[in-house]
């Protein structure tokens, strides 16, 4: 039953289609501005491209794809360390593309306990000496499922990690971290949850089990971490999973000047609130980095279209993420340049600094 008139409900005369089958075709006629390439050369700060860093041939294939999108540089966020990192760095250095790829390292967080930081910092310094440019991506298990040496959940603000984050400040490198998941994943799986289909398709998205850590607890722990380490540069992956609540993310930016955010995999929230998102990007233009997350070339133009145009009511690229439509937020060139490359260059000294548009 659905309300068809005030205080009057009716049922369809025919069986209702399922959430999988209902695909209405819009009759809205609007201007369409497809954007196959970014307006300015972009740095993808959230690039999972480790599969392309195994040989010179694979790397050349990646460059052909990036050229078609005007992505000048990728920052591998695959948390490489040790010999795996060294092997990938050798592939890049021995190629014609040594200025187009940079690689981040990262700690192994399972088994944290007393004395862990000493060994982790030594490995970090070795990885940076080898050529890594920062930390990342610290993956979603941090705070959710990663366990300490004593078997307890590793809290995001755990004191045993403090020396490591302080070392990152001393070494002047950014920490790119994925904390929590979308808030909806922690809510009941019912007909009021706008991520019902995604959660129903994938059991790993159901973070709503009894006794599990909550979204609010993770955000509180994250903010405690940021507060304890004001000299460390943190980059929140996925807008800190607060793209659906820009006022909350604004409070984070206002309280923690050492924090930036990357926009990978939350385009569906940015593009459904075009006026609020436009104003947010303008106000915090020095704090936002472009990133994509899962590497799929066909999906990048959706980001360009949202960021660069005023287009209205167009599809997102994965309907199980977002059944709603998208809108362009029409950012000015000065902001696009900051989001696409200038902010990443500023907070990551290890990126090649020359040859970018002014």
Protein backbone atom coordinates (compact mmCIF):
# COMPACT_ATOMS: atom_id res chain seq x y z
CA UNK A 1 0.00 0.00 0.00
CA UNK A 2 1.10 3.55 -0.68
CA UNK A 3 -0.48 6.93 -0.08
CA UNK A 4 -2.08 8.19 -3.27
CA UNK A 5 -4.02 11.07 -1.72
CA UNK A 6 -3.87 12.61 1.76
CA UNK A 7 -4.91 9.87 4.22
CA UNK A 8 -5.82 7.57 1.34
CA UNK A 9 -3.77 4.51 0.42
CA UNK A 10 -3.98 2.12 -2.52
CA UNK A 11 -2.24 -1.03 -3.69
CA UNK A 12 -0.94 -1.55 -7.26
CA UNK A 13 -3.18 -3.55 -9.56
CA UNK A 14 -0.15 -5.54 -10.70
CA UNK A 15 2.67 -7.31 -8.85
CA UNK A 16 5.31 -4.82 -7.76
CA UNK A 17 8.76 -5.26 -9.33
CA UNK A 18 11.64 -6.17 -7.07
CA UNK A 19 14.38 -3.73 -6.12
CA UNK A 20 16.55 -5.56 -8.66
CA UNK A 21 14.08 -5.24 -11.52
CA UNK A 22 12.74 -1.71 -11.15
CA UNK A 23 14.72 0.43 -13.62
CA UNK A 24 12.57 3.42 -14.63
CA UNK A 25 13.80 5.38 -17.63
CA UNK A 26 13.84 9.11 -16.96
CA UNK A 27 11.97 11.36 -19.40
CA UNK A 28 13.79 14.46 -18.11
CA UNK A 29 15.54 16.30 -20.93
CA UNK A 30 18.62 18.21 -19.73
CA UNK A 31 21.98 19.32 -21.07
CA UNK A 32 24.58 16.57 -21.16
CA UNK A 33 28.30 17.29 -20.91
CA UNK A 34 30.32 14.11 -20.89
CA UNK A 35 33.87 14.63 -19.59
CA UNK A 36 36.17 11.83 -20.73
CA UNK A 37 39.32 13.57 -19.43
CA UNK A 38 39.95 15.69 -16.36
CA UNK A 39 40.25 19.40 -17.15
CA UNK A 40 43.63 19.52 -15.40
CA UNK A 41 46.20 16.77 -14.84
CA UNK A 42 45.10 14.75 -11.85
CA UNK A 43 46.86 12.83 -9.12
CA UNK A 44 44.91 9.78 -8.04
CA UNK A 45 45.84 9.65 -4.37
CA UNK A 46 43.88 6.44 -3.79
CA UNK A 47 45.07 4.14 -6.55
CA UNK A 48 44.99 0.38 -6.11
CA UNK A 49 47.30 -0.41 -9.01
CA UNK A 50 49.70 -2.96 -7.54
CA UNK A 51 48.80 -5.39 -10.33
CA UNK A 52 50.33 -2.94 -12.82
CA UNK A 53 53.61 -2.65 -10.90
CA UNK A 54 54.88 -6.14 -11.59
CA UNK A 55 56.62 -5.50 -14.91
CA UNK A 56 57.50 -2.75 -17.33
CA UNK A 57 54.89 -4.03 -19.77
CA UNK A 58 52.15 -3.85 -17.16
CA UNK A 59 53.23 -0.35 -16.20
CA UNK A 60 53.18 0.80 -19.82
CA UNK A 61 49.65 -0.53 -20.13
CA UNK A 62 48.64 1.46 -17.04
CA UNK A 63 50.11 4.65 -18.54
CA UNK A 64 48.03 4.26 -21.69
CA UNK A 65 44.90 4.10 -19.56
CA UNK A 66 45.94 7.08 -17.43
CA UNK A 67 46.73 9.18 -20.51
CA UNK A 68 43.20 8.61 -21.80
CA UNK A 69 41.85 10.12 -18.55
CA UNK A 70 44.42 12.91 -17.97
CA UNK A 71 45.57 11.26 -14.77
CA UNK A 72 49.22 12.28 -14.67
CA UNK A 73 50.18 10.42 -11.52
CA UNK A 74 48.96 7.61 -9.32
CA UNK A 75 49.88 7.11 -5.69
CA UNK A 76 49.73 3.39 -5.00
CA UNK A 77 47.70 2.91 -1.82
CA UNK A 78 48.39 -0.80 -1.53
CA UNK A 79 50.28 -0.65 1.76
CA UNK A 80 53.46 -2.28 0.40
CA UNK A 81 56.50 -2.89 2.55
CA UNK A 82 59.83 -4.69 2.52
CA UNK A 83 60.73 -6.76 -0.54
CA UNK A 84 57.29 -6.28 -2.15
CA UNK A 85 57.77 -2.53 -2.02
CA UNK A 86 61.36 -2.75 -3.29
CA UNK A 87 60.33 -4.87 -6.26
CA UNK A 88 57.57 -2.46 -7.29
CA UNK A 89 59.89 0.54 -6.89
CA UNK A 90 62.45 -1.13 -9.15
CA UNK A 91 59.83 -1.62 -11.86
CA UNK A 92 58.95 2.09 -11.73
CA UNK A 93 62.54 3.36 -11.61
CA UNK A 94 63.61 1.22 -14.56
CA UNK A 95 60.77 2.51 -16.73
CA UNK A 96 60.17 5.72 -18.70
CA UNK A 97 57.40 6.55 -16.21
CA UNK A 98 59.38 7.08 -13.00
CA UNK A 99 57.73 10.47 -12.37
CA UNK A 100 54.19 9.16 -12.78
CA UNK A 101 53.96 6.61 -9.98
CA UNK A 102 54.67 6.90 -6.29
CA UNK A 103 54.15 4.17 -3.71
CA UNK A 104 53.09 4.28 -0.08
CA UNK A 105 54.14 1.86 2.63
CA UNK A 106 52.36 0.89 5.81
CA UNK A 107 52.58 -0.95 9.10
CA UNK A 108 51.44 -4.47 9.87
CA UNK A 109 48.96 -3.83 12.65
CA UNK A 110 48.12 -7.36 13.72
CA UNK A 111 49.85 -8.18 16.98
CA UNK A 112 50.41 -4.64 18.25
CA UNK A 113 51.63 -4.56 21.83
CA UNK A 114 54.49 -3.30 23.99
CA UNK A 115 57.61 -2.88 21.86
CA UNK A 116 55.75 -3.12 18.55
CA UNK A 117 56.45 0.49 17.62
CA UNK A 118 60.23 0.11 17.72
CA UNK A 119 60.29 -2.53 15.00
CA UNK A 120 57.52 -0.82 12.99
CA UNK A 121 59.37 2.49 12.95
CA UNK A 122 62.58 0.80 11.85
CA UNK A 123 60.71 -0.82 8.94
CA UNK A 124 59.04 2.49 8.09
CA UNK A 125 62.38 4.28 7.92
CA UNK A 126 63.79 1.52 5.71
CA UNK A 127 60.81 1.71 3.38
CA UNK A 128 61.08 5.49 3.12
CA UNK A 129 64.79 5.20 2.38
CA UNK A 130 63.89 2.73 -0.38
CA UNK A 131 61.54 5.30 -1.94
CA UNK A 132 58.08 5.16 -0.34
CA UNK A 133 56.41 8.58 0.05
CA UNK A 134 53.95 8.04 2.89
CA UNK A 135 51.69 5.65 4.76
CA UNK A 136 48.67 4.10 3.15
CA UNK A 137 46.20 2.94 2.70
CA UNK A 138 45.77 1.73 6.27
CA UNK A 139 42.86 -0.56 5.57
CA UNK A 140 39.39 -0.83 7.04
CA UNK A 141 40.28 -3.65 9.42
CA UNK A 142 42.00 -1.05 11.62
CA UNK A 143 39.47 -0.48 14.39
CA UNK A 144 37.00 -3.04 13.03
CA UNK A 145 38.70 -6.42 13.16
CA UNK A 146 42.45 -6.06 13.70
CA UNK A 147 43.60 -7.70 16.93
CA UNK A 148 46.37 -6.84 19.35
CA UNK A 149 48.91 -9.35 20.63
CA UNK A 150 46.64 -10.06 23.61
CA UNK A 151 43.66 -10.83 21.31
CA UNK A 152 41.66 -7.67 22.02
CA UNK A 153 40.40 -5.31 19.33
CA UNK A 154 43.00 -2.77 18.28
CA UNK A 155 41.37 0.59 18.96
CA UNK A 156 42.14 3.36 16.51
CA UNK A 157 43.46 5.55 19.35
CA UNK A 158 45.47 2.79 21.06
CA UNK A 159 48.43 4.17 23.03
CA UNK A 160 50.77 1.46 21.71
CA UNK A 161 50.58 3.19 18.31
CA UNK A 162 51.45 6.68 19.54
CA UNK A 163 55.19 6.44 18.93
CA UNK A 164 54.56 5.33 15.35
CA UNK A 165 52.30 8.29 14.54
CA UNK A 166 54.83 10.62 16.16
CA UNK A 167 57.51 9.15 13.91
CA UNK A 168 55.36 9.97 10.87
CA UNK A 169 55.30 13.60 12.03
CA UNK A 170 59.07 13.61 12.52
CA UNK A 171 59.58 12.14 9.05
CA UNK A 172 57.11 14.64 7.50
CA UNK A 173 55.00 12.04 5.72
CA UNK A 174 51.20 11.83 5.44
CA UNK A 175 49.18 8.98 6.92
CA UNK A 176 46.38 7.89 4.58
CA UNK A 177 43.87 5.83 6.56
CA UNK A 178 40.53 4.15 6.05
CA UNK A 179 38.59 4.18 9.30
CA UNK A 180 35.08 2.69 9.61
CA UNK A 181 32.60 2.03 6.81
CA UNK A 182 29.42 3.83 5.68
CA UNK A 183 27.19 4.53 8.67
CA UNK A 184 24.36 2.58 7.04
CA UNK A 185 26.36 -0.65 7.25
CA UNK A 186 26.12 -0.44 11.03
CA UNK A 187 22.34 0.02 10.99
CA UNK A 188 19.58 -2.63 10.89
CA UNK A 189 19.14 -4.37 7.55
CA UNK A 190 15.55 -3.35 6.94
CA UNK A 191 13.41 -1.57 4.38
CA UNK A 192 14.48 1.84 5.75
CA UNK A 193 18.19 1.31 5.10
CA UNK A 194 19.19 3.03 1.85
CA UNK A 195 22.10 0.58 1.44
CA UNK A 196 19.83 -2.47 1.81
CA UNK A 197 20.72 -3.95 -1.56
CA UNK A 198 24.47 -3.64 -1.10
CA UNK A 199 24.27 -5.18 2.36
CA UNK A 200 22.02 -7.96 1.11
CA UNK A 201 24.45 -8.75 -1.70
CA UNK A 202 27.59 -8.80 0.45
CA UNK A 203 27.71 -10.13 3.98
CA UNK A 204 31.02 -8.35 4.67
CA UNK A 205 29.12 -5.05 4.54
CA UNK A 206 26.91 -6.00 7.51
CA UNK A 207 28.62 -4.31 10.42
CA UNK A 208 25.44 -4.42 12.51
CA UNK A 209 26.07 -7.61 14.46
CA UNK A 210 25.34 -7.64 18.22
CA UNK A 211 28.33 -6.62 20.28
CA UNK A 212 30.30 -5.25 17.31
CA UNK A 213 31.98 -1.86 17.44
CA UNK A 214 29.67 0.92 16.26
CA UNK A 215 30.19 3.67 13.71
CA UNK A 216 30.08 6.33 16.42
CA UNK A 217 32.67 4.50 18.51
CA UNK A 218 35.05 4.31 15.54
CA UNK A 219 34.63 8.00 14.73
CA UNK A 220 35.24 8.91 18.38
CA UNK A 221 38.42 6.80 18.43
CA UNK A 222 39.55 8.35 15.14
CA UNK A 223 39.04 11.86 16.43
CA UNK A 224 40.92 10.98 19.63
CA UNK A 225 43.83 9.86 17.44
CA UNK A 226 43.76 13.10 15.45
CA UNK A 227 43.63 15.11 18.66
CA UNK A 228 46.60 13.29 20.22
CA UNK A 229 48.85 13.87 17.20
CA UNK A 230 48.43 17.46 15.97
CA UNK A 231 51.81 17.45 14.21
CA UNK A 232 51.05 14.37 12.10
CA UNK A 233 49.46 14.86 8.68
CA UNK A 234 46.42 12.60 8.31
CA UNK A 235 44.41 12.03 5.13
CA UNK A 236 40.99 10.49 5.68
CA UNK A 237 40.10 8.04 2.92
CA UNK A 238 36.54 8.21 1.60
CA UNK A 239 35.91 11.63 3.19
CA UNK A 240 36.13 9.81 6.53
CA UNK A 241 32.80 8.17 5.58
CA UNK A 242 31.13 11.49 6.35
CA UNK A 243 30.32 12.69 2.84
CA UNK A 244 26.67 12.10 3.74
CA UNK A 245 27.11 14.48 6.70
CA UNK A 246 29.28 17.34 5.52
CA UNK A 247 28.55 19.36 8.65
CA UNK A 248 30.23 16.63 10.71
CA UNK A 249 33.26 16.54 8.41
CA UNK A 250 33.43 20.33 8.57
CA UNK A 251 33.77 20.09 12.35
CA UNK A 252 36.68 17.68 11.87
CA UNK A 253 38.41 20.11 9.51
CA UNK A 254 37.76 23.02 11.83
CA UNK A 255 39.15 21.25 14.90
CA UNK A 256 42.09 19.49 13.25
CA UNK A 257 44.12 21.64 10.84
CA UNK A 258 46.45 18.66 10.27
CA UNK A 259 43.68 16.67 8.55
CA UNK A 260 42.74 16.40 4.87
CA UNK A 261 40.22 14.11 3.17
CA UNK A 262 40.19 12.10 -0.04
CA UNK A 263 37.02 11.56 -2.04
CA UNK A 264 37.33 8.01 -3.39
CA UNK A 265 34.19 5.86 -3.52
CA UNK A 266 31.88 8.51 -2.04
CA UNK A 267 30.95 10.30 -5.27
CA UNK A 268 27.37 9.09 -4.81
CA UNK A 269 27.03 11.29 -1.72
CA UNK A 270 28.83 14.31 -3.18
CA UNK A 271 26.77 14.23 -6.36
CA UNK A 272 23.36 14.04 -4.71
CA UNK A 273 23.78 17.30 -2.74
CA UNK A 274 25.22 19.64 -5.38
CA UNK A 275 24.68 22.96 -3.63
CA UNK A 276 25.96 21.83 -0.23
CA UNK A 277 28.87 19.94 -1.82
CA UNK A 278 29.82 22.92 -3.98
CA UNK A 279 29.92 25.21 -0.96
CA UNK A 280 31.86 22.62 1.06
CA UNK A 281 34.51 22.24 -1.65
CA UNK A 282 34.83 26.00 -1.93
CA UNK A 283 35.22 26.50 1.83
CA UNK A 284 37.61 23.60 2.34
CA UNK A 285 39.35 23.73 -1.01
CA UNK A 286 42.78 23.32 0.62
CA UNK A 287 41.79 20.13 2.45
CA UNK A 288 40.35 17.86 -0.28
CA UNK A 289 42.25 15.42 -2.52
CA UNK A 290 41.07 13.55 -5.57
CA UNK A 291 41.20 9.78 -5.32
CA UNK A 292 39.29 6.98 -6.97
CA UNK A 293 39.86 3.73 -4.98
CA UNK A 294 39.05 0.65 -7.12
CA UNK A 295 40.84 1.03 -10.43
CA UNK A 296 38.33 0.96 -13.28
CA UNK A 297 39.00 3.37 -16.13
CA UNK A 298 35.36 3.67 -17.21
CA UNK A 299 34.39 5.13 -13.82
CA UNK A 300 36.74 8.13 -13.68
CA UNK A 301 34.67 10.29 -16.08
CA UNK A 302 31.80 10.23 -13.59
CA UNK A 303 34.09 12.08 -11.15
CA UNK A 304 35.08 14.63 -13.79
CA UNK A 305 31.43 15.22 -14.67
CA UNK A 306 30.34 15.75 -11.07
CA UNK A 307 33.26 18.04 -10.26
CA UNK A 308 33.39 20.06 -13.49
CA UNK A 309 29.84 20.46 -14.84
CA UNK A 310 26.38 21.67 -13.88
CA UNK A 311 24.71 18.59 -15.38
CA UNK A 312 21.59 17.35 -13.65
CA UNK A 313 20.01 14.01 -12.80
CA UNK A 314 22.42 11.48 -14.26
CA UNK A 315 23.28 7.96 -13.24
CA UNK A 316 26.00 6.84 -10.87
CA UNK A 317 28.19 4.02 -12.15
CA UNK A 318 27.08 1.30 -9.69
CA UNK A 319 23.38 1.16 -8.98
CA UNK A 320 23.77 -1.16 -5.98
CA UNK A 321 25.75 1.62 -4.28
CA UNK A 322 23.29 4.36 -5.16
CA UNK A 323 19.88 4.09 -6.75
CA UNK A 324 19.55 7.89 -6.78
CA UNK A 325 20.78 10.32 -9.42
CA UNK A 326 23.79 12.62 -9.54
CA UNK A 327 24.31 16.33 -10.17
CA UNK A 328 27.38 18.35 -11.14
CA UNK A 329 28.81 20.73 -8.55
CA UNK A 330 30.55 23.00 -11.10
CA UNK A 331 33.78 23.84 -9.28
CA UNK A 332 35.87 26.82 -10.45
CA UNK A 333 39.27 26.15 -11.97
CA UNK A 334 41.19 27.35 -8.92
CA UNK A 335 39.45 24.71 -6.79
CA UNK A 336 39.75 21.96 -9.40
CA UNK A 337 43.51 22.47 -9.53
CA UNK A 338 43.78 22.13 -5.75
CA UNK A 339 41.62 19.02 -5.62
CA UNK A 340 43.21 17.37 -8.64
CA UNK A 341 46.89 17.90 -7.78
CA UNK A 342 47.97 20.93 -5.73
CA UNK A 343 46.84 19.67 -2.33
CA UNK A 344 48.44 16.27 -2.85
CA UNK A 345 51.72 17.92 -3.86
CA UNK A 346 51.68 20.19 -0.82
CA UNK A 347 51.12 17.54 1.83
CA UNK A 348 53.35 14.87 0.23
CA UNK A 349 56.88 16.17 -0.31
CA UNK A 350 57.88 12.89 -1.95
CA UNK A 351 55.76 13.58 -5.02
CA UNK A 352 57.49 15.16 -8.06
CA UNK A 353 56.86 18.88 -7.63
CA UNK A 354 57.80 20.24 -11.07
CA UNK A 355 55.91 20.42 -14.34
CA UNK A 356 52.41 21.05 -13.02
CA UNK A 357 50.16 23.88 -14.25
CA UNK A 358 50.26 27.02 -12.11
